[in-house]
Amino acid sequence: MLRPKIPTMPTPTGHVTPPAVVEPTAIVPATQTPPPALLAPAPSRPTVQLTPGTALALVGGGTAVVLVVGAVLVSMLLAVAITGVSAAVCAVVLRSLLASEAKRR
């Protein structure tokens, strides 16, 4: 019941054609054609024209990206610092409570 059943390979049915026989052919050399005249290579990419407007847009976009990434990193650093300070305060309070409990006994 829990054993897998392995399928068997089905046998082909109907008319089966035999493989075709490939006969070798002779290679006849053709007359040589002269190479085409050398042309100047076409540029694969168009050149980028930086106008003052596009340069200003690039500078503004880069500044915005730097400010956003900086704000995210500073907020993460602040979150880690606040978590560390709160853990330290909790540790001091617990130590104080345990020390005062031990003195009363």
Protein backbone atom coordinates (compact mmCIF):
# COMPACT_ATOMS: atom_id res chain seq x y z
CA MET A 1 0.00 0.00 0.00
CA LEU A 2 2.82 2.43 0.85
CA ARG A 3 5.18 1.22 -1.87
CA PRO A 4 5.51 3.52 -4.89
CA LYS A 5 4.47 2.15 -8.25
CA ILE A 6 7.11 2.70 -10.89
CA PRO A 7 5.56 3.28 -14.32
CA THR A 8 6.72 1.05 -17.14
CA MET A 9 7.95 2.42 -20.45
CA PRO A 10 5.11 2.17 -22.98
CA THR A 11 5.85 0.29 -26.19
CA PRO A 12 5.23 2.13 -29.46
CA THR A 13 2.11 1.14 -31.32
CA GLY A 14 1.22 1.55 -34.97
CA HIS A 15 3.54 1.94 -37.97
CA VAL A 16 7.12 2.82 -37.04
CA THR A 17 9.29 4.30 -39.81
CA PRO A 18 12.91 3.20 -39.98
CA PRO A 19 15.55 5.91 -39.60
CA ALA A 20 16.49 7.66 -42.85
CA VAL A 21 19.92 7.02 -44.34
CA VAL A 22 22.00 10.14 -44.85
CA GLU A 23 24.34 9.98 -47.82
CA PRO A 24 27.50 12.09 -47.86
CA THR A 25 27.67 14.85 -50.45
CA ALA A 26 30.71 16.27 -52.18
CA ILE A 27 31.75 19.83 -51.36
CA VAL A 28 32.42 21.90 -54.48
CA PRO A 29 34.43 25.08 -53.87
CA ALA A 30 32.75 28.21 -55.22
CA THR A 31 34.50 31.12 -56.88
CA GLN A 32 35.94 33.52 -54.39
CA THR A 33 34.18 36.80 -53.99
CA PRO A 34 36.13 39.92 -53.01
CA PRO A 35 35.58 41.13 -49.45
CA PRO A 36 33.20 44.09 -49.14
CA ALA A 37 34.67 47.54 -48.86
CA LEU A 38 35.46 48.59 -45.30
CA LEU A 39 32.89 50.98 -43.97
CA ALA A 40 33.10 53.11 -40.86
CA PRO A 41 31.58 51.13 -37.97
CA ALA A 42 28.19 52.40 -36.96
CA PRO A 43 28.04 53.49 -33.32
CA SER A 44 26.34 50.80 -31.26
CA ARG A 45 25.03 53.32 -28.74
CA PRO A 46 24.04 56.91 -29.19
CA THR A 47 26.14 59.44 -27.35
CA VAL A 48 24.58 61.05 -24.30
CA GLN A 49 24.16 64.80 -24.51
CA LEU A 50 24.23 66.50 -21.11
CA THR A 51 22.41 69.78 -21.14
CA PRO A 52 22.35 72.07 -18.11
CA GLY A 53 18.80 70.94 -17.36
CA THR A 54 19.64 67.23 -17.35
CA ALA A 55 22.80 67.85 -15.31
CA LEU A 56 20.73 69.74 -12.75
CA ALA A 57 18.17 66.92 -12.66
CA LEU A 58 20.92 64.33 -12.12
CA VAL A 59 22.45 66.35 -9.29
CA GLY A 60 19.04 66.84 -7.67
CA GLY A 61 18.18 63.14 -7.97
CA GLY A 62 21.53 62.10 -6.53
CA THR A 63 21.15 64.50 -3.64
CA ALA A 64 17.68 63.16 -2.89
CA VAL A 65 18.94 59.57 -2.90
CA VAL A 66 21.82 60.43 -0.57
CA LEU A 67 19.50 62.25 1.83
CA VAL A 68 16.97 59.41 1.94
CA VAL A 69 19.63 56.72 2.46
CA GLY A 70 21.30 58.87 5.13
CA ALA A 71 18.01 59.38 6.97
CA VAL A 72 17.30 55.64 6.93
CA LEU A 73 20.77 54.79 8.24
CA VAL A 74 20.62 57.42 10.99
CA SER A 75 17.19 56.21 12.11
CA MET A 76 18.45 52.62 12.26
CA LEU A 77 21.45 53.73 14.31
CA LEU A 78 19.15 55.65 16.65
CA ALA A 79 16.88 52.62 17.07
CA VAL A 80 19.86 50.44 18.02
CA ALA A 81 21.18 53.07 20.46
CA ILE A 82 17.79 53.53 22.15
CA THR A 83 17.37 49.77 22.46
CA GLY A 84 20.82 49.45 24.02
CA VAL A 85 20.18 52.24 26.52
CA SER A 86 16.81 50.79 27.54
CA ALA A 87 18.36 47.34 28.02
CA ALA A 88 21.09 48.88 30.18
CA VAL A 89 18.53 50.74 32.31
CA CYS A 90 16.52 47.53 32.76
CA ALA A 91 19.66 45.68 33.80
CA VAL A 92 20.53 48.34 36.40
CA VAL A 93 16.99 48.31 37.82
CA LEU A 94 16.92 44.51 38.03
CA ARG A 95 20.35 44.47 39.70
CA SER A 96 19.20 47.04 42.21
CA LEU A 97 16.01 45.09 42.99
CA LEU A 98 17.89 41.82 43.41
CA ALA A 99 20.54 43.45 45.61
CA SER A 100 17.97 45.08 47.88
CA GLU A 101 16.06 41.77 48.12
CA ALA A 102 19.25 39.98 49.17
CA LYS A 103 19.98 42.59 51.89
CA ARG A 104 16.56 42.17 53.50
CA ARG A 105 17.03 38.47 54.17
